[in-house]
Amino acid sequence: MADILMIHFQRAKNRGGDVEGIVYPTTTKGVAYITFEDQKVTENVLKKGEHQLEDKRLPRHYPLKVSLYSEDVFSCISCVLDLSGFGDKCVLEDLVQELQKNITALSFSPLQPNGQISVQGSFPSIQSLKDNLLLKANSLSKTDKKAKCMSSQRSNSKTQKHGVSVESKNNFIHNADGEKQVVLDTDVYYYMKHILHEDSLAKKSVVSREVTDGEITILYLERVNASSDPSKLEKAKKKIEDLSAELHSKLRKKRFHLDRSKHEMQMYQHACKRVQSQYSQVLVIPYETHIDVIGSSSDVFGFAQEMKTKVKHYLQKTPQEMIVR
């Protein structure tokens, strides 16, 4: 199959050229990695509308899906929503139906008695869900406030009580204006924090705190002091959102599973540390069961190739030799 692929991507009719290397088979069934010697050839191959794999050794023609190297794990994430806060203002079942109608790209689990529901879909769809819920909460809040104001006009005695309540409500809104929330994919946030974004907030007189729940991280932004320019907070929020959107389309992630022997796990961890020094724009996140490598498509591919070479080299050594080294 590697020979057949080599021939296919060297043919002029497929807009191909000199192939530097082919990786097949891979850990993903039916996927091969092709590296061209010239970047322009890569671009030309991608521009070709359809690729049909043809060879006399094959029983028939096979359509190929050709794209830039990526193991895009940012395409689908899961989260749990707690809708119980809407329970006293609307029927939760109706709210869920409304969300399903507005955001068809999301998959919703059955609503639980405690108001929680699981949602799965792309990160942009999750962001759209957040915006829909904020709009709904704002709409219900205005309706509730209008009802309170109408009630306050019926009695002078109630006016004072409701006056305190309204003032408290206004204070709450003022505090909310002093804090901005940004919902981010956790992997994208880690990349922003550790590779690109660590110091940019301080330059805008903004402080932040994060709350991570699985694949979703909420970043809370606040001004350093109340007298600072409020527009800086909005600018910081927009910068993070724009950067997140850009990274979401560019970043790729490679996962190295560590469900091997202790010796093999040590090899992968050791190799990862050695290769990491060569890729300053790659984020490595170690876990007990796996290692995640996040970066651009080319960097992740290069990192994976270097890892493969290192591990192959370490396989020829004994654990004692690795420790000494």
Protein backbone atom coordinates (compact mmCIF):
# COMPACT_ATOMS: atom_id res chain seq x y z
CA MET A 1 0.00 0.00 0.00
CA ALA A 2 2.87 2.39 0.74
CA ASP A 3 4.21 1.80 -2.81
CA ILE A 4 0.78 2.40 -4.32
CA LEU A 5 0.41 5.65 -2.38
CA MET A 6 3.91 6.71 -3.41
CA ILE A 7 3.05 6.27 -7.09
CA HIS A 8 -0.27 8.08 -6.69
CA PHE A 9 1.21 11.19 -5.10
CA GLN A 10 4.11 11.38 -7.56
CA ARG A 11 1.85 11.44 -10.60
CA ALA A 12 1.45 14.78 -12.40
CA LYS A 13 -2.26 14.17 -13.01
CA ASN A 14 -2.73 14.13 -9.23
CA ARG A 15 -0.72 17.38 -9.02
CA GLY A 16 1.92 15.46 -7.10
CA GLY A 17 5.71 15.58 -6.98
CA ASP A 18 8.72 14.22 -5.15
CA VAL A 19 7.72 12.35 -2.00
CA GLU A 20 10.09 12.54 0.94
CA GLY A 21 8.45 9.77 2.94
CA ILE A 22 5.31 7.77 3.64
CA VAL A 23 4.15 6.47 7.01
CA TYR A 24 1.83 3.48 6.62
CA PRO A 25 0.31 1.73 8.46
CA THR A 26 -0.33 4.14 11.33
CA THR A 27 -2.09 3.94 14.69
CA THR A 28 -5.26 5.15 12.95
CA LYS A 29 -6.81 2.54 10.67
CA GLY A 30 -6.97 3.58 7.01
CA VAL A 31 -4.76 6.66 7.49
CA ALA A 32 -1.36 7.32 5.92
CA TYR A 33 0.99 10.30 6.32
CA ILE A 34 2.68 11.66 3.20
CA THR A 35 5.59 14.13 3.35
CA PHE A 36 6.56 16.02 0.19
CA GLU A 37 9.96 17.55 -0.48
CA ASP A 38 8.40 20.79 -1.72
CA GLN A 39 5.73 22.76 0.14
CA LYS A 40 4.22 23.88 -3.17
CA VAL A 41 3.53 20.26 -4.10
CA THR A 42 1.65 19.84 -0.82
CA GLU A 43 -0.48 22.86 -1.67
CA ASN A 44 -1.15 21.60 -5.20
CA VAL A 45 -2.18 18.15 -3.99
CA LEU A 46 -4.61 19.73 -1.52
CA LYS A 47 -6.11 21.93 -4.26
CA LYS A 48 -7.00 18.93 -6.42
CA GLY A 49 -10.70 18.32 -6.03
CA GLU A 50 -10.87 14.51 -5.86
CA HIS A 51 -8.26 11.81 -5.46
CA GLN A 52 -8.95 8.29 -6.73
CA LEU A 53 -6.46 5.60 -5.76
CA GLU A 54 -5.93 3.48 -8.88
CA ASP A 55 -3.58 0.53 -9.30
CA LYS A 56 -3.71 -2.84 -11.05
CA ARG A 57 -2.95 -4.48 -7.70
CA LEU A 58 -6.21 -3.09 -6.27
CA PRO A 59 -9.59 -4.74 -7.00
CA ARG A 60 -11.18 -1.34 -7.74
CA HIS A 61 -10.71 2.41 -7.46
CA TYR A 62 -10.79 3.91 -3.96
CA PRO A 63 -11.63 7.56 -3.16
CA LEU A 64 -9.07 9.26 -0.94
CA LYS A 65 -9.76 12.02 1.56
CA VAL A 66 -6.67 14.25 1.46
CA SER A 67 -6.00 16.95 4.06
CA LEU A 68 -3.13 18.54 5.96
CA TYR A 69 -1.73 16.26 8.62
CA SER A 70 -3.85 16.57 11.73
CA GLU A 71 -5.29 14.60 14.57
CA ASP A 72 -7.88 17.20 15.37
CA VAL A 73 -9.28 16.35 18.76
CA PHE A 74 -10.82 19.78 19.09
CA SER A 75 -13.66 18.83 16.77
CA CYS A 76 -15.91 17.32 19.44
CA ILE A 77 -16.12 17.97 23.16
CA SER A 78 -18.58 17.14 25.92
CA CYS A 79 -19.85 19.15 28.86
CA VAL A 80 -22.58 19.00 31.49
CA LEU A 81 -25.03 21.89 31.79
CA ASP A 82 -26.81 22.72 35.01
CA LEU A 83 -30.10 24.34 33.99
CA SER A 84 -31.63 24.23 37.46
CA GLY A 85 -31.18 28.00 37.78
CA PHE A 86 -33.81 28.46 35.05
CA GLY A 87 -36.30 26.20 36.84
CA ASP A 88 -38.26 28.95 38.59
CA LYS A 89 -38.48 31.08 35.44
CA CYS A 90 -39.33 28.64 32.65
CA VAL A 91 -40.11 25.00 31.88
CA LEU A 92 -36.76 23.27 31.47
CA GLU A 93 -38.06 20.79 28.91
CA ASP A 94 -39.20 23.71 26.73
CA LEU A 95 -35.82 25.40 27.17
CA VAL A 96 -34.01 22.27 26.02
CA GLN A 97 -36.26 21.97 22.97
CA GLU A 98 -35.57 25.59 22.12
CA LEU A 99 -31.81 25.03 22.36
CA GLN A 100 -32.02 21.90 20.21
CA LYS A 101 -33.93 23.86 17.58
CA ASN A 102 -31.49 26.80 17.61
CA ILE A 103 -28.28 24.74 17.62
CA THR A 104 -28.83 21.62 15.55
CA ALA A 105 -25.12 20.70 15.56
CA LEU A 106 -25.26 19.74 19.25
CA SER A 107 -26.32 16.42 20.72
CA PHE A 108 -28.32 16.56 23.98
CA SER A 109 -28.81 13.74 26.47
CA PRO A 110 -32.14 13.32 28.32
CA LEU A 111 -32.75 16.04 30.92
CA GLN A 112 -32.10 14.80 34.47
CA PRO A 113 -34.48 15.51 37.39
CA ASN A 114 -31.84 17.75 39.00
CA GLY A 115 -31.78 19.99 35.91
CA GLN A 116 -28.50 18.70 34.50
CA ILE A 117 -28.04 17.64 30.89
CA SER A 118 -25.02 16.39 28.91
CA VAL A 119 -24.16 18.14 25.64
CA GLN A 120 -21.74 17.06 22.93
CA GLY A 121 -20.56 18.86 19.82
CA SER A 122 -17.92 21.12 18.29
CA PHE A 123 -16.41 23.85 20.42
CA PRO A 124 -17.90 26.67 18.28
CA SER A 125 -21.31 25.06 18.82
CA ILE A 126 -20.69 24.97 22.57
CA GLN A 127 -19.82 28.66 22.42
CA SER A 128 -23.05 29.30 20.54
CA LEU A 129 -24.90 27.39 23.26
CA LYS A 130 -23.35 29.65 25.90
CA ASP A 131 -24.45 32.75 23.98
CA ASN A 132 -27.98 31.39 23.65
CA LEU A 133 -28.20 30.70 27.37
CA LEU A 134 -26.88 34.16 28.24
CA LEU A 135 -29.46 35.76 25.97
CA LYS A 136 -32.19 33.62 27.54
CA ALA A 137 -31.08 34.51 31.06
CA ASN A 138 -30.95 38.20 30.16
CA SER A 139 -34.42 38.04 28.61
CA LEU A 140 -35.89 36.28 31.64
CA SER A 141 -34.13 38.72 33.97
CA LYS A 142 -35.65 41.71 32.17
CA THR A 143 -39.10 40.12 32.31
CA ASP A 144 -38.69 39.44 36.01
CA LYS A 145 -37.44 42.98 36.66
CA LYS A 146 -40.38 44.47 34.75
CA ALA A 147 -42.81 42.42 36.84
CA LYS A 148 -41.15 43.65 40.05
CA CYS A 149 -41.31 47.26 38.90
CA MET A 150 -45.03 46.92 38.13
CA SER A 151 -45.58 45.41 41.54
CA SER A 152 -43.62 48.20 43.25
CA GLN A 153 -45.93 50.86 41.77
CA ARG A 154 -48.96 49.39 43.58
CA SER A 155 -47.79 50.20 47.09
CA ASN A 156 -45.67 52.95 48.64
CA SER A 157 -44.65 50.62 51.41
CA LYS A 158 -43.46 48.12 48.89
CA THR A 159 -41.69 50.85 46.97
CA GLN A 160 -39.09 51.22 49.67
CA LYS A 161 -38.54 47.49 49.91
CA HIS A 162 -38.36 47.10 46.17
CA GLY A 163 -36.15 50.19 46.01
CA VAL A 164 -33.58 48.35 48.13
CA SER A 165 -33.97 45.30 45.96
CA VAL A 166 -33.52 47.26 42.75
CA GLU A 167 -30.46 49.01 44.14
CA SER A 168 -28.99 45.67 45.07
CA LYS A 169 -29.78 44.40 41.60
CA ASN A 170 -28.06 47.41 40.06
CA ASN A 171 -24.99 46.78 42.18
CA PHE A 172 -24.94 43.19 40.99
CA ILE A 173 -25.11 44.30 37.37
CA HIS A 174 -22.34 46.81 37.97
CA ASN A 175 -20.13 44.04 39.38
CA ALA A 176 -20.99 41.85 36.42
CA ASP A 177 -19.87 44.67 34.09
CA GLY A 178 -16.58 44.72 35.99
CA GLU A 179 -15.97 41.06 35.16
CA LYS A 180 -15.92 39.35 31.78
CA GLN A 181 -16.17 35.64 31.10
CA VAL A 182 -14.56 33.77 28.22
CA VAL A 183 -15.43 30.13 27.54
CA LEU A 184 -12.49 28.22 26.06
CA ASP A 185 -11.53 24.74 24.98
CA THR A 186 -9.23 23.54 27.79
CA ASP A 187 -6.44 22.38 25.47
CA VAL A 188 -6.53 25.66 23.56
CA TYR A 189 -6.45 27.58 26.84
CA TYR A 190 -3.44 25.64 28.10
CA TYR A 191 -1.64 26.40 24.85
CA MET A 192 -2.50 30.09 25.12
CA LYS A 193 -1.39 30.21 28.74
CA HIS A 194 1.87 28.30 28.50
CA ILE A 195 3.03 29.06 24.95
CA LEU A 196 1.54 32.39 23.81
CA HIS A 197 -0.58 34.27 26.26
CA GLU A 198 0.98 34.21 29.72
CA ASP A 199 1.92 37.89 30.00
CA SER A 200 -0.50 39.68 27.69
CA LEU A 201 -3.23 40.23 30.28
CA ALA A 202 -0.93 42.07 32.66
CA LYS A 203 -0.09 44.53 29.90
CA LYS A 204 -3.76 45.46 29.67
CA SER A 205 -4.18 46.02 33.43
CA VAL A 206 -6.37 42.94 33.65
CA VAL A 207 -6.18 39.99 36.03
CA SER A 208 -7.70 36.59 35.41
CA ARG A 209 -8.73 33.42 37.17
CA GLU A 210 -9.64 30.13 35.57
CA VAL A 211 -12.17 27.42 36.33
CA THR A 212 -11.55 24.19 34.43
CA ASP A 213 -14.16 21.47 34.13
CA GLY A 214 -12.90 18.72 31.84
CA GLU A 215 -12.78 19.94 28.25
CA ILE A 216 -14.15 23.40 29.07
CA THR A 217 -12.32 26.22 30.85
CA ILE A 218 -14.01 29.47 31.86
CA LEU A 219 -11.67 32.43 32.16
CA TYR A 220 -12.89 35.25 34.41
CA LEU A 221 -11.35 38.64 33.62
CA GLU A 222 -11.33 41.61 35.98
CA ARG A 223 -9.75 45.03 36.02
CA VAL A 224 -6.74 45.44 38.30
CA ASN A 225 -8.50 48.36 40.01
CA ALA A 226 -11.86 50.07 39.69
CA SER A 227 -10.32 53.28 38.33
CA SER A 228 -8.69 51.58 35.34
CA ASP A 229 -10.14 52.05 31.87
CA PRO A 230 -13.16 49.69 31.41
CA SER A 231 -12.42 49.42 27.69
CA LYS A 232 -9.21 47.54 28.47
CA LEU A 233 -11.28 44.70 29.91
CA GLU A 234 -13.35 44.43 26.75
CA LYS A 235 -10.23 44.60 24.58
CA ALA A 236 -8.58 41.82 26.58
CA LYS A 237 -11.71 39.67 26.24
CA LYS A 238 -11.87 40.21 22.48
CA LYS A 239 -8.17 39.47 22.07
CA ILE A 240 -8.55 36.14 23.88
CA GLU A 241 -11.65 35.20 21.89
CA ASP A 242 -9.97 36.06 18.57
CA LEU A 243 -6.83 34.15 19.51
CA SER A 244 -8.89 31.18 20.65
CA ALA A 245 -10.77 31.06 17.34
CA GLU A 246 -7.51 31.24 15.40
CA LEU A 247 -5.84 28.51 17.45
CA HIS A 248 -8.91 26.30 17.30
CA SER A 249 -8.51 26.01 13.53
CA LYS A 250 -4.71 25.67 13.56
CA LEU A 251 -3.81 23.51 16.54
CA ARG A 252 -3.59 19.75 16.39
CA LYS A 253 -3.03 17.18 19.09
CA LYS A 254 -1.18 13.90 19.10
CA ARG A 255 -1.79 11.50 21.98
CA PHE A 256 0.82 8.96 23.02
CA HIS A 257 -0.84 6.23 25.09
CA LEU A 258 1.16 4.84 28.01
CA ASP A 259 -0.77 1.60 28.49
CA ARG A 260 2.47 -0.33 28.13
CA SER A 261 5.06 -1.86 30.42
CA LYS A 262 6.83 0.34 32.97
CA HIS A 263 10.00 0.20 30.85
CA GLU A 264 8.16 1.42 27.74
CA MET A 265 6.43 4.18 29.70
CA GLN A 266 9.83 5.40 30.88
CA MET A 267 11.09 5.37 27.31
CA TYR A 268 8.20 7.47 26.03
CA GLN A 269 8.50 9.95 28.87
CA HIS A 270 12.26 10.23 28.44
CA ALA A 271 11.99 10.59 24.66
CA CYS A 272 9.29 13.23 25.06
CA LYS A 273 11.52 15.37 27.27
CA ARG A 274 14.39 15.13 24.83
CA VAL A 275 12.28 16.01 21.78
CA GLN A 276 10.44 18.83 23.55
CA SER A 277 13.61 20.93 23.72
CA GLN A 278 13.62 21.06 19.89
CA TYR A 279 10.04 22.36 19.59
CA SER A 280 9.50 25.59 21.53
CA GLN A 281 6.00 26.09 20.08
CA VAL A 282 4.75 22.66 21.12
CA LEU A 283 2.94 22.12 24.41
CA VAL A 284 3.43 18.77 26.12
CA ILE A 285 0.92 17.75 28.80
CA PRO A 286 1.80 14.53 30.67
CA TYR A 287 -0.89 12.39 32.28
CA GLU A 288 -0.74 9.05 34.06
CA THR A 289 -2.15 7.14 31.09
CA HIS A 290 -1.00 9.24 28.14
CA ILE A 291 0.97 12.23 26.90
CA ASP A 292 -0.73 14.97 24.86
CA VAL A 293 1.32 16.96 22.37
CA ILE A 294 -0.32 20.15 21.08
CA GLY A 295 0.94 22.46 18.35
CA SER A 296 0.73 23.29 14.67
CA SER A 297 0.19 20.50 12.17
CA SER A 298 3.81 20.50 10.99
CA ASP A 299 5.26 20.76 14.50
CA VAL A 300 3.14 17.92 15.84
CA PHE A 301 4.05 15.74 12.87
CA GLY A 302 7.75 16.49 13.32
CA PHE A 303 7.49 15.89 17.05
CA ALA A 304 5.81 12.52 16.48
CA GLN A 305 8.48 11.47 13.98
CA GLU A 306 11.27 12.42 16.39
CA MET A 307 9.50 10.54 19.18
CA LYS A 308 9.28 7.45 17.00
CA THR A 309 13.02 7.62 16.27
CA LYS A 310 13.93 8.16 19.92
CA VAL A 311 11.74 5.32 21.18
CA LYS A 312 13.14 2.98 18.54
CA HIS A 313 16.63 3.90 19.73
CA TYR A 314 15.72 3.37 23.39
CA LEU A 315 14.22 -0.04 22.63
CA GLN A 316 17.74 -1.21 21.90
CA LYS A 317 18.90 -0.17 25.36
CA THR A 318 18.37 -1.79 28.75
CA PRO A 319 16.59 0.14 31.55
CA GLN A 320 19.96 0.47 33.34
CA GLU A 321 21.57 2.06 30.27
CA MET A 322 18.71 4.56 30.01
CA ILE A 323 19.10 5.55 33.67
CA VAL A 324 22.86 6.02 33.28
CA ARG A 325 22.33 8.14 30.17
